[in-house]
Amino acid sequence: MKLTSLMTAVALVATTLTALAHGEAVEVKDAWARATVKGQMASGAFMTLQADHGGKLVGVASPAAGVVQVHQMTMDAGVMKMVEVKGGLNLPAGKAVELKPGGFHIMLMDLKAPLAAGSKLPLTLIVKDDKGIESKVDVDVPVATKAPHSAAHDMTMDHSAHGMPMDHAAHGAKAAASHAH
């Protein structure tokens, strides 16, 4: 167990990077993706993003999933729903934007294989800077069963004790993925 925690911590440090694109910097920190089991067709990826000069996360791609989207959890009439963020996720200049369970996150659907704990998930973040120029940030995200301890705190969500209904119906349908390359 301690070896797994150490490996996760090392992988987490390795995913903290700054990608320079067209003179603009986008920092990716504390990235991780939730491990899956055989037959599970969806998962989430989480991280903190910071753009020096502002911009938007306008897309995400991964060879591990047929569909990759930026989602947000919202409450609607007492039901928690997951909805796609249309038009991109704002990255205000110099401000950290946290993608976490229960909030904004990257949704991976139509997984091509299970995401095994201890493996890496390749993601390409497509960011449009404040001048409208698109760039790509490639990240190898460590896969874990829960948020690494070095993240802000354990953000796993278990609604079973709260009787909170979850609406995931929209994720059963196949969606066309648009991959910017």
N, C-alpha and C. Protein backbone atom coordinates (compact mmCIF):
# COMPACT_ATOMS: atom_id res chain seq x y z
N MET A 1 0.83 -1.20 0.00
CA MET A 1 0.00 0.00 0.00
C MET A 1 0.87 1.25 0.00
N LYS A 2 1.95 1.25 0.80
CA LYS A 2 2.81 2.43 0.85
C LYS A 2 3.53 2.64 -0.48
N LEU A 3 3.90 1.54 -1.16
CA LEU A 3 4.56 1.65 -2.45
C LEU A 3 3.62 2.29 -3.47
N THR A 4 2.35 1.91 -3.46
CA THR A 4 1.36 2.50 -4.37
C THR A 4 1.23 3.99 -4.08
N SER A 5 1.16 4.37 -2.81
CA SER A 5 1.06 5.80 -2.46
C SER A 5 2.29 6.56 -2.93
N LEU A 6 3.47 5.96 -2.76
CA LEU A 6 4.70 6.61 -3.19
C LEU A 6 4.71 6.76 -4.70
N MET A 7 4.30 5.72 -5.43
CA MET A 7 4.26 5.80 -6.88
C MET A 7 3.27 6.86 -7.35
N THR A 8 2.13 6.95 -6.68
CA THR A 8 1.13 7.96 -7.04
C THR A 8 1.69 9.35 -6.79
N ALA A 9 2.39 9.54 -5.67
CA ALA A 9 2.96 10.85 -5.36
C ALA A 9 4.02 11.24 -6.38
N VAL A 10 4.87 10.30 -6.78
CA VAL A 10 5.88 10.58 -7.79
C VAL A 10 5.22 10.94 -9.12
N ALA A 11 4.19 10.19 -9.49
CA ALA A 11 3.47 10.48 -10.74
C ALA A 11 2.80 11.84 -10.69
N LEU A 12 2.26 12.21 -9.53
CA LEU A 12 1.60 13.49 -9.37
C LEU A 12 2.59 14.63 -9.57
N VAL A 13 3.77 14.51 -8.98
CA VAL A 13 4.80 15.53 -9.15
C VAL A 13 5.20 15.61 -10.62
N ALA A 14 5.29 14.45 -11.28
CA ALA A 14 5.68 14.43 -12.69
C ALA A 14 4.65 15.10 -13.59
N THR A 15 3.39 15.15 -13.17
CA THR A 15 2.37 15.77 -14.02
C THR A 15 2.24 17.26 -13.79
N THR A 16 2.95 17.81 -12.83
CA THR A 16 2.94 19.25 -12.64
C THR A 16 3.88 19.83 -13.67
N LEU A 17 3.32 20.53 -14.63
CA LEU A 17 4.14 21.03 -15.72
C LEU A 17 3.62 22.37 -16.20
N THR A 18 4.46 23.04 -16.94
CA THR A 18 4.04 24.26 -17.61
C THR A 18 4.27 24.04 -19.09
N ALA A 19 3.24 24.20 -19.87
CA ALA A 19 3.34 24.05 -21.32
C ALA A 19 3.34 25.43 -21.93
N LEU A 20 4.37 25.72 -22.68
CA LEU A 20 4.45 27.01 -23.35
C LEU A 20 3.91 26.86 -24.75
N ALA A 21 2.92 27.66 -25.07
CA ALA A 21 2.33 27.61 -26.40
C ALA A 21 2.12 29.04 -26.87
N HIS A 22 2.74 29.37 -27.99
CA HIS A 22 2.62 30.71 -28.57
C HIS A 22 2.94 31.79 -27.54
N GLY A 23 3.91 31.54 -26.66
CA GLY A 23 4.32 32.55 -25.70
C GLY A 23 3.44 32.60 -24.46
N GLU A 24 2.37 31.84 -24.43
CA GLU A 24 1.47 31.84 -23.28
C GLU A 24 1.73 30.58 -22.45
N ALA A 25 1.57 30.66 -21.15
CA ALA A 25 1.82 29.51 -20.29
C ALA A 25 0.51 29.01 -19.69
N VAL A 26 0.33 27.68 -19.73
CA VAL A 26 -0.78 27.02 -19.05
C VAL A 26 -0.15 26.01 -18.12
N GLU A 27 -0.43 26.14 -16.85
CA GLU A 27 0.13 25.23 -15.87
C GLU A 27 -0.92 24.18 -15.49
N VAL A 28 -0.49 22.91 -15.47
CA VAL A 28 -1.34 21.80 -15.09
C VAL A 28 -0.75 21.20 -13.83
N LYS A 29 -1.56 21.14 -12.75
CA LYS A 29 -1.07 20.61 -11.48
C LYS A 29 -2.06 19.60 -10.92
N ASP A 30 -1.55 18.70 -10.09
CA ASP A 30 -2.37 17.75 -9.32
C ASP A 30 -3.31 16.93 -10.21
N ALA A 31 -2.86 16.56 -11.40
CA ALA A 31 -3.70 15.80 -12.32
C ALA A 31 -3.82 14.34 -11.89
N TRP A 32 -5.04 13.78 -12.02
CA TRP A 32 -5.27 12.35 -11.80
C TRP A 32 -6.57 11.96 -12.48
N ALA A 33 -6.70 10.68 -12.79
CA ALA A 33 -7.93 10.14 -13.39
C ALA A 33 -8.39 8.98 -12.53
N ARG A 34 -9.69 8.81 -12.43
CA ARG A 34 -10.26 7.74 -11.60
C ARG A 34 -10.16 6.40 -12.33
N ALA A 35 -9.61 5.40 -11.64
CA ALA A 35 -9.50 4.05 -12.18
C ALA A 35 -10.89 3.45 -12.38
N THR A 36 -10.98 2.53 -13.32
CA THR A 36 -12.26 1.87 -13.62
C THR A 36 -12.13 0.36 -13.47
N VAL A 37 -13.25 -0.32 -13.57
CA VAL A 37 -13.27 -1.78 -13.55
C VAL A 37 -13.75 -2.26 -14.91
N LYS A 38 -13.54 -3.54 -15.20
CA LYS A 38 -13.95 -4.13 -16.46
C LYS A 38 -15.44 -3.86 -16.71
N GLY A 39 -15.76 -3.41 -17.90
CA GLY A 39 -17.15 -3.13 -18.25
C GLY A 39 -17.59 -1.71 -18.00
N GLN A 40 -16.82 -0.97 -17.20
CA GLN A 40 -17.16 0.43 -16.93
C GLN A 40 -16.76 1.26 -18.15
N MET A 41 -17.68 2.03 -18.67
CA MET A 41 -17.45 2.74 -19.92
C MET A 41 -17.15 4.23 -19.76
N ALA A 42 -17.11 4.72 -18.52
CA ALA A 42 -16.87 6.15 -18.31
C ALA A 42 -16.03 6.37 -17.06
N SER A 43 -15.32 7.47 -17.05
CA SER A 43 -14.53 7.87 -15.89
C SER A 43 -14.31 9.38 -15.96
N GLY A 44 -13.62 9.91 -14.96
CA GLY A 44 -13.33 11.33 -14.92
C GLY A 44 -11.85 11.59 -14.71
N ALA A 45 -11.40 12.75 -15.17
CA ALA A 45 -10.04 13.22 -14.93
C ALA A 45 -10.13 14.58 -14.27
N PHE A 46 -9.19 14.83 -13.36
CA PHE A 46 -9.25 16.01 -12.51
C PHE A 46 -7.87 16.65 -12.44
N MET A 47 -7.84 17.97 -12.26
CA MET A 47 -6.57 18.69 -12.21
C MET A 47 -6.84 20.16 -11.89
N THR A 48 -5.77 20.90 -11.69
CA THR A 48 -5.87 22.35 -11.53
C THR A 48 -5.15 22.98 -12.72
N LEU A 49 -5.82 23.94 -13.36
CA LEU A 49 -5.27 24.64 -14.51
C LEU A 49 -5.09 26.11 -14.18
N GLN A 50 -4.00 26.68 -14.68
CA GLN A 50 -3.79 28.11 -14.49
C GLN A 50 -3.14 28.66 -15.75
N ALA A 51 -3.76 29.69 -16.32
CA ALA A 51 -3.25 30.35 -17.52
C ALA A 51 -2.72 31.72 -17.12
N ASP A 52 -1.47 31.99 -17.44
CA ASP A 52 -0.86 33.27 -17.07
C ASP A 52 -1.62 34.47 -17.61
N HIS A 53 -2.08 34.36 -18.87
CA HIS A 53 -2.73 35.50 -19.51
C HIS A 53 -4.20 35.26 -19.82
N GLY A 54 -4.78 34.24 -19.24
CA GLY A 54 -6.19 33.94 -19.46
C GLY A 54 -6.44 33.17 -20.73
N GLY A 55 -7.63 32.62 -20.83
CA GLY A 55 -8.02 31.86 -22.01
C GLY A 55 -9.17 30.95 -21.67
N LYS A 56 -9.32 29.89 -22.49
CA LYS A 56 -10.40 28.91 -22.29
C LYS A 56 -9.89 27.52 -22.61
N LEU A 57 -10.34 26.55 -21.84
CA LEU A 57 -10.15 25.15 -22.19
C LEU A 57 -11.31 24.83 -23.13
N VAL A 58 -11.01 24.67 -24.43
CA VAL A 58 -12.07 24.51 -25.43
C VAL A 58 -12.27 23.07 -25.88
N GLY A 59 -11.38 22.18 -25.47
CA GLY A 59 -11.53 20.79 -25.86
C GLY A 59 -10.52 19.91 -25.17
N VAL A 60 -10.80 18.61 -25.19
CA VAL A 60 -9.89 17.61 -24.63
C VAL A 60 -10.00 16.37 -25.51
N ALA A 61 -8.89 15.70 -25.74
CA ALA A 61 -8.88 14.48 -26.53
C ALA A 61 -8.04 13.43 -25.80
N SER A 62 -8.36 12.16 -26.04
CA SER A 62 -7.57 11.05 -25.50
C SER A 62 -7.78 9.83 -26.37
N PRO A 63 -6.70 9.11 -26.68
CA PRO A 63 -6.87 7.87 -27.44
C PRO A 63 -7.56 6.77 -26.60
N ALA A 64 -7.71 6.98 -25.30
CA ALA A 64 -8.31 5.98 -24.41
C ALA A 64 -9.83 6.01 -24.41
N ALA A 65 -10.44 7.06 -25.00
CA ALA A 65 -11.90 7.20 -24.95
C ALA A 65 -12.43 7.67 -26.30
N GLY A 66 -13.65 7.22 -26.62
CA GLY A 66 -14.30 7.65 -27.85
C GLY A 66 -14.81 9.07 -27.77
N VAL A 67 -15.20 9.50 -26.55
CA VAL A 67 -15.73 10.84 -26.33
C VAL A 67 -15.08 11.43 -25.09
N VAL A 68 -14.56 12.64 -25.21
CA VAL A 68 -13.96 13.34 -24.07
C VAL A 68 -14.55 14.76 -24.05
N GLN A 69 -15.13 15.14 -22.90
CA GLN A 69 -15.78 16.45 -22.80
C GLN A 69 -15.46 17.07 -21.44
N VAL A 70 -15.57 18.39 -21.36
CA VAL A 70 -15.50 19.10 -20.09
C VAL A 70 -16.93 19.17 -19.56
N HIS A 71 -17.11 18.72 -18.32
CA HIS A 71 -18.44 18.69 -17.69
C HIS A 71 -18.46 19.49 -16.40
N GLN A 72 -19.67 19.77 -15.96
CA GLN A 72 -19.90 20.43 -14.67
C GLN A 72 -21.06 19.71 -13.98
N MET A 73 -20.94 19.54 -12.68
CA MET A 73 -22.03 19.00 -11.88
C MET A 73 -22.89 20.18 -11.43
N THR A 74 -24.23 20.03 -11.57
CA THR A 74 -25.15 21.07 -11.14
C THR A 74 -26.33 20.43 -10.42
N MET A 75 -27.01 21.20 -9.59
CA MET A 75 -28.23 20.73 -8.92
C MET A 75 -29.42 21.29 -9.70
N ASP A 76 -30.40 20.42 -9.97
CA ASP A 76 -31.61 20.81 -10.67
C ASP A 76 -32.78 20.10 -10.02
N ALA A 77 -33.61 20.86 -9.31
CA ALA A 77 -34.79 20.31 -8.62
C ALA A 77 -34.40 19.17 -7.68
N GLY A 78 -33.31 19.35 -6.96
CA GLY A 78 -32.88 18.36 -5.97
C GLY A 78 -32.15 17.17 -6.56
N VAL A 79 -31.89 17.18 -7.86
CA VAL A 79 -31.17 16.09 -8.51
C VAL A 79 -29.85 16.63 -9.04
N MET A 80 -28.75 15.95 -8.69
CA MET A 80 -27.46 16.36 -9.20
C MET A 80 -27.32 15.85 -10.63
N LYS A 81 -26.99 16.76 -11.55
CA LYS A 81 -26.86 16.41 -12.96
C LYS A 81 -25.47 16.79 -13.46
N MET A 82 -25.02 16.03 -14.43
CA MET A 82 -23.76 16.30 -15.08
C MET A 82 -24.06 16.84 -16.47
N VAL A 83 -23.54 18.03 -16.79
CA VAL A 83 -23.80 18.65 -18.08
C VAL A 83 -22.48 19.06 -18.73
N GLU A 84 -22.45 18.98 -20.06
CA GLU A 84 -21.28 19.42 -20.80
C GLU A 84 -21.17 20.94 -20.72
N VAL A 85 -19.95 21.42 -20.59
CA VAL A 85 -19.68 22.86 -20.60
C VAL A 85 -19.55 23.28 -22.06
N LYS A 86 -20.52 24.02 -22.54
CA LYS A 86 -20.52 24.47 -23.94
C LYS A 86 -19.72 25.76 -24.07
N GLY A 87 -18.95 25.87 -25.14
CA GLY A 87 -18.21 27.09 -25.41
C GLY A 87 -16.87 27.19 -24.70
N GLY A 88 -16.51 26.21 -23.90
CA GLY A 88 -15.22 26.20 -23.23
C GLY A 88 -15.28 26.64 -21.77
N LEU A 89 -14.31 26.21 -21.02
CA LEU A 89 -14.18 26.54 -19.60
C LEU A 89 -13.24 27.73 -19.46
N ASN A 90 -13.72 28.83 -18.90
CA ASN A 90 -12.91 30.03 -18.73
C ASN A 90 -11.72 29.76 -17.80
N LEU A 91 -10.57 30.28 -18.21
CA LEU A 91 -9.34 30.23 -17.41
C LEU A 91 -8.91 31.68 -17.18
N PRO A 92 -9.42 32.32 -16.12
CA PRO A 92 -9.07 33.72 -15.86
C PRO A 92 -7.56 33.89 -15.65
N ALA A 93 -7.02 34.98 -16.12
CA ALA A 93 -5.58 35.24 -16.03
C ALA A 93 -5.08 35.12 -14.60
N GLY A 94 -4.07 34.26 -14.41
CA GLY A 94 -3.41 34.13 -13.11
C GLY A 94 -4.22 33.44 -12.03
N LYS A 95 -5.42 32.95 -12.33
CA LYS A 95 -6.27 32.31 -11.32
C LYS A 95 -6.31 30.81 -11.56
N ALA A 96 -6.19 30.04 -10.49
CA ALA A 96 -6.28 28.59 -10.58
C ALA A 96 -7.73 28.16 -10.77
N VAL A 97 -7.97 27.26 -11.72
CA VAL A 97 -9.29 26.69 -11.96
C VAL A 97 -9.19 25.20 -11.64
N GLU A 98 -9.96 24.77 -10.66
CA GLU A 98 -9.88 23.39 -10.19
C GLU A 98 -10.93 22.53 -10.87
N LEU A 99 -10.48 21.46 -11.50
CA LEU A 99 -11.37 20.44 -12.06
C LEU A 99 -11.36 19.31 -11.05
N LYS A 100 -12.51 19.04 -10.41
CA LYS A 100 -12.56 18.09 -9.31
C LYS A 100 -13.90 17.35 -9.30
N PRO A 101 -13.93 16.20 -8.62
CA PRO A 101 -15.21 15.49 -8.49
C PRO A 101 -16.25 16.42 -7.85
N GLY A 102 -17.46 16.41 -8.41
CA GLY A 102 -18.53 17.25 -7.88
C GLY A 102 -18.56 18.65 -8.46
N GLY A 103 -17.63 18.97 -9.33
CA GLY A 103 -17.58 20.30 -9.95
C GLY A 103 -17.23 20.16 -11.42
N PHE A 104 -16.43 21.08 -11.93
CA PHE A 104 -15.92 20.94 -13.29
C PHE A 104 -14.99 19.73 -13.32
N HIS A 105 -15.01 18.97 -14.41
CA HIS A 105 -14.13 17.82 -14.57
C HIS A 105 -14.08 17.43 -16.04
N ILE A 106 -13.14 16.56 -16.37
CA ILE A 106 -13.05 16.02 -17.72
C ILE A 106 -13.73 14.66 -17.70
N MET A 107 -14.73 14.49 -18.55
CA MET A 107 -15.50 13.24 -18.62
C MET A 107 -15.00 12.42 -19.80
N LEU A 108 -14.61 11.18 -19.51
CA LEU A 108 -14.14 10.25 -20.53
C LEU A 108 -15.23 9.20 -20.72
N MET A 109 -15.79 9.12 -21.93
CA MET A 109 -16.88 8.18 -22.20
C MET A 109 -16.49 7.25 -23.35
N ASP A 110 -17.17 6.13 -23.42
CA ASP A 110 -16.86 5.10 -24.42
C ASP A 110 -15.39 4.69 -24.30
N LEU A 111 -14.98 4.36 -23.07
CA LEU A 111 -13.61 3.93 -22.83
C LEU A 111 -13.29 2.71 -23.68
N LYS A 112 -12.09 2.68 -24.22
CA LYS A 112 -11.68 1.57 -25.08
C LYS A 112 -11.14 0.40 -24.27
N ALA A 113 -10.75 0.65 -23.01
CA ALA A 113 -10.25 -0.37 -22.09
C ALA A 113 -10.35 0.20 -20.69
N PRO A 114 -10.36 -0.67 -19.67
CA PRO A 114 -10.39 -0.14 -18.29
C PRO A 114 -9.16 0.73 -18.01
N LEU A 115 -9.33 1.73 -17.15
CA LEU A 115 -8.21 2.56 -16.69
C LEU A 115 -7.69 1.92 -15.41
N ALA A 116 -6.51 1.33 -15.48
CA ALA A 116 -5.94 0.60 -14.35
C ALA A 116 -5.19 1.54 -13.42
N ALA A 117 -5.43 1.38 -12.11
CA ALA A 117 -4.70 2.16 -11.10
C ALA A 117 -3.20 1.94 -11.32
N GLY A 118 -2.44 3.03 -11.26
CA GLY A 118 -1.00 2.96 -11.46
C GLY A 118 -0.57 3.18 -12.90
N SER A 119 -1.52 3.19 -13.83
CA SER A 119 -1.18 3.44 -15.23
C SER A 119 -1.23 4.94 -15.51
N LYS A 120 -0.98 5.30 -16.76
CA LYS A 120 -1.04 6.71 -17.20
C LYS A 120 -2.12 6.85 -18.27
N LEU A 121 -2.84 7.96 -18.21
CA LEU A 121 -3.86 8.28 -19.20
C LEU A 121 -3.36 9.47 -20.03
N PRO A 122 -3.14 9.28 -21.33
CA PRO A 122 -2.72 10.42 -22.15
C PRO A 122 -3.91 11.33 -22.47
N LEU A 123 -3.76 12.61 -22.18
CA LEU A 123 -4.78 13.61 -22.50
C LEU A 123 -4.13 14.74 -23.29
N THR A 124 -4.88 15.28 -24.22
CA THR A 124 -4.47 16.50 -24.91
C THR A 124 -5.50 17.56 -24.60
N LEU A 125 -5.07 18.60 -23.89
CA LEU A 125 -5.94 19.74 -23.56
C LEU A 125 -5.81 20.75 -24.69
N ILE A 126 -6.92 21.23 -25.18
CA ILE A 126 -6.92 22.23 -26.24
C ILE A 126 -7.34 23.56 -25.61
N VAL A 127 -6.41 24.50 -25.60
CA VAL A 127 -6.60 25.77 -24.92
C VAL A 127 -6.56 26.90 -25.94
N LYS A 128 -7.52 27.80 -25.83
CA LYS A 128 -7.54 29.00 -26.67
C LYS A 128 -7.13 30.16 -25.78
N ASP A 129 -6.06 30.87 -26.15
CA ASP A 129 -5.58 31.97 -25.32
C ASP A 129 -6.46 33.21 -25.49
N ASP A 130 -6.13 34.25 -24.75
CA ASP A 130 -6.94 35.47 -24.76
C ASP A 130 -6.91 36.19 -26.11
N LYS A 131 -6.02 35.77 -27.02
CA LYS A 131 -5.97 36.36 -28.37
C LYS A 131 -6.68 35.46 -29.39
N GLY A 132 -7.24 34.33 -28.91
CA GLY A 132 -7.96 33.42 -29.80
C GLY A 132 -7.10 32.35 -30.45
N ILE A 133 -5.83 32.26 -30.06
CA ILE A 133 -4.92 31.27 -30.65
C ILE A 133 -5.04 29.96 -29.88
N GLU A 134 -5.29 28.86 -30.62
CA GLU A 134 -5.40 27.54 -29.99
C GLU A 134 -4.04 26.89 -29.87
N SER A 135 -3.85 26.20 -28.76
CA SER A 135 -2.64 25.41 -28.55
C SER A 135 -3.03 24.12 -27.85
N LYS A 136 -2.11 23.15 -27.90
CA LYS A 136 -2.36 21.85 -27.29
C LYS A 136 -1.39 21.63 -26.14
N VAL A 137 -1.91 21.06 -25.07
CA VAL A 137 -1.09 20.72 -23.91
C VAL A 137 -1.25 19.21 -23.70
N ASP A 138 -0.18 18.46 -23.91
CA ASP A 138 -0.22 17.01 -23.71
C ASP A 138 0.18 16.68 -22.28
N VAL A 139 -0.63 15.86 -21.63
CA VAL A 139 -0.41 15.50 -20.23
C VAL A 139 -0.59 13.99 -20.08
N ASP A 140 0.33 13.32 -19.41
CA ASP A 140 0.18 11.91 -19.03
C ASP A 140 -0.33 11.91 -17.60
N VAL A 141 -1.60 11.60 -17.43
CA VAL A 141 -2.28 11.72 -16.14
C VAL A 141 -2.22 10.39 -15.39
N PRO A 142 -1.74 10.39 -14.14
CA PRO A 142 -1.73 9.15 -13.37
C PRO A 142 -3.16 8.70 -13.04
N VAL A 143 -3.39 7.39 -13.11
CA VAL A 143 -4.69 6.81 -12.82
C VAL A 143 -4.66 6.27 -11.39
N ALA A 144 -5.67 6.61 -10.59
CA ALA A 144 -5.73 6.19 -9.19
C ALA A 144 -7.18 5.89 -8.80
N THR A 145 -7.36 5.19 -7.69
CA THR A 145 -8.72 4.88 -7.22
C THR A 145 -9.34 6.05 -6.48
N LYS A 146 -8.51 6.99 -6.00
CA LYS A 146 -9.02 8.19 -5.34
C LYS A 146 -7.98 9.29 -5.48
N ALA A 147 -8.37 10.50 -5.13
CA ALA A 147 -7.47 11.65 -5.26
C ALA A 147 -6.20 11.40 -4.45
N PRO A 148 -5.05 11.70 -5.04
CA PRO A 148 -3.80 11.55 -4.29
C PRO A 148 -3.80 12.42 -3.03
N HIS A 149 -3.12 11.96 -2.00
CA HIS A 149 -3.09 12.69 -0.73
C HIS A 149 -2.47 14.07 -0.86
N SER A 150 -1.62 14.28 -1.85
CA SER A 150 -1.00 15.59 -1.98
C SER A 150 -1.93 16.59 -2.65
N ALA A 151 -3.08 16.13 -3.15
CA ALA A 151 -4.08 17.08 -3.66
C ALA A 151 -4.66 17.81 -2.46
N ALA A 152 -5.42 18.84 -2.71
CA ALA A 152 -5.94 19.68 -1.63
C ALA A 152 -6.59 18.88 -0.52
N HIS A 153 -7.43 17.91 -0.88
CA HIS A 153 -8.02 17.00 0.08
C HIS A 153 -8.69 15.87 -0.68
N ASP A 154 -9.11 14.84 0.02
CA ASP A 154 -9.76 13.72 -0.63
C ASP A 154 -11.14 14.15 -1.09
N MET A 155 -11.36 14.15 -2.40
CA MET A 155 -12.59 14.69 -2.95
C MET A 155 -13.48 13.61 -3.54
N THR A 156 -13.31 12.36 -3.12
CA THR A 156 -14.17 11.32 -3.66
C THR A 156 -15.59 11.57 -3.18
N MET A 157 -16.56 11.21 -4.00
CA MET A 157 -17.95 11.49 -3.68
C MET A 157 -18.70 10.19 -3.47
N ASP A 158 -19.36 10.04 -2.35
CA ASP A 158 -20.23 8.91 -2.08
C ASP A 158 -21.54 9.49 -1.60
N HIS A 159 -22.57 9.43 -2.45
CA HIS A 159 -23.86 10.03 -2.12
C HIS A 159 -24.81 9.04 -1.46
N SER A 160 -24.37 7.80 -1.23
CA SER A 160 -25.29 6.78 -0.75
C SER A 160 -25.91 7.12 0.60
N ALA A 161 -25.16 7.77 1.46
CA ALA A 161 -25.69 8.10 2.78
C ALA A 161 -26.62 9.31 2.76
N HIS A 162 -26.60 10.06 1.66
CA HIS A 162 -27.40 11.27 1.58
C HIS A 162 -28.71 11.09 0.83
N GLY A 163 -28.88 9.92 0.22
CA GLY A 163 -30.10 9.68 -0.55
C GLY A 163 -30.20 10.62 -1.74
N MET A 164 -29.06 11.10 -2.25
CA MET A 164 -29.06 12.07 -3.33
C MET A 164 -29.10 11.35 -4.67
N PRO A 165 -30.16 11.57 -5.45
CA PRO A 165 -30.24 10.92 -6.76
C PRO A 165 -29.24 11.54 -7.73
N MET A 166 -28.71 10.72 -8.62
CA MET A 166 -27.77 11.19 -9.63
C MET A 166 -28.36 10.92 -11.00
N ASP A 167 -28.30 11.89 -11.92
CA ASP A 167 -28.81 11.71 -13.26
C ASP A 167 -27.62 11.61 -14.22
N HIS A 168 -27.34 10.39 -14.66
CA HIS A 168 -26.26 10.16 -15.62
C HIS A 168 -26.81 9.69 -16.96
N ALA A 169 -28.10 9.88 -17.18
CA ALA A 169 -28.77 9.35 -18.36
C ALA A 169 -28.14 9.84 -19.66
N ALA A 170 -27.68 11.07 -19.67
CA ALA A 170 -27.14 11.64 -20.90
C ALA A 170 -25.86 10.95 -21.33
N HIS A 171 -25.23 10.18 -20.46
CA HIS A 171 -23.95 9.58 -20.77
C HIS A 171 -24.07 8.18 -21.33
N GLY A 172 -25.31 7.68 -21.47
CA GLY A 172 -25.50 6.36 -22.05
C GLY A 172 -25.48 6.40 -23.56
N ALA A 173 -25.77 7.56 -24.13
CA ALA A 173 -25.84 7.69 -25.58
C ALA A 173 -24.45 7.92 -26.16
N LYS A 174 -24.24 7.39 -27.34
CA LYS A 174 -22.98 7.63 -28.04
C LYS A 174 -23.01 9.06 -28.59
N ALA A 175 -21.92 9.76 -28.42
CA ALA A 175 -21.85 11.13 -28.94
C ALA A 175 -20.70 11.20 -29.92
N ALA A 176 -20.81 12.04 -30.88
CA ALA A 176 -19.73 12.22 -31.84
C ALA A 176 -18.64 13.04 -31.19
N ALA A 177 -17.43 12.53 -31.26
CA ALA A 177 -16.30 13.24 -30.66
C ALA A 177 -15.64 14.09 -31.73
N SER A 178 -15.34 15.31 -31.36
CA SER A 178 -14.58 16.16 -32.27
C SER A 178 -13.20 16.33 -31.67
N HIS A 179 -12.21 15.90 -32.40
CA HIS A 179 -10.83 15.95 -31.93
C HIS A 179 -10.06 16.96 -32.76
N ALA A 180 -9.59 18.01 -32.12
CA ALA A 180 -8.74 18.99 -32.80
C ALA A 180 -7.31 18.50 -32.78
N HIS A 181 -6.73 18.36 -33.90
CA HIS A 181 -5.33 17.90 -33.97
C HIS A 181 -4.51 18.89 -34.73
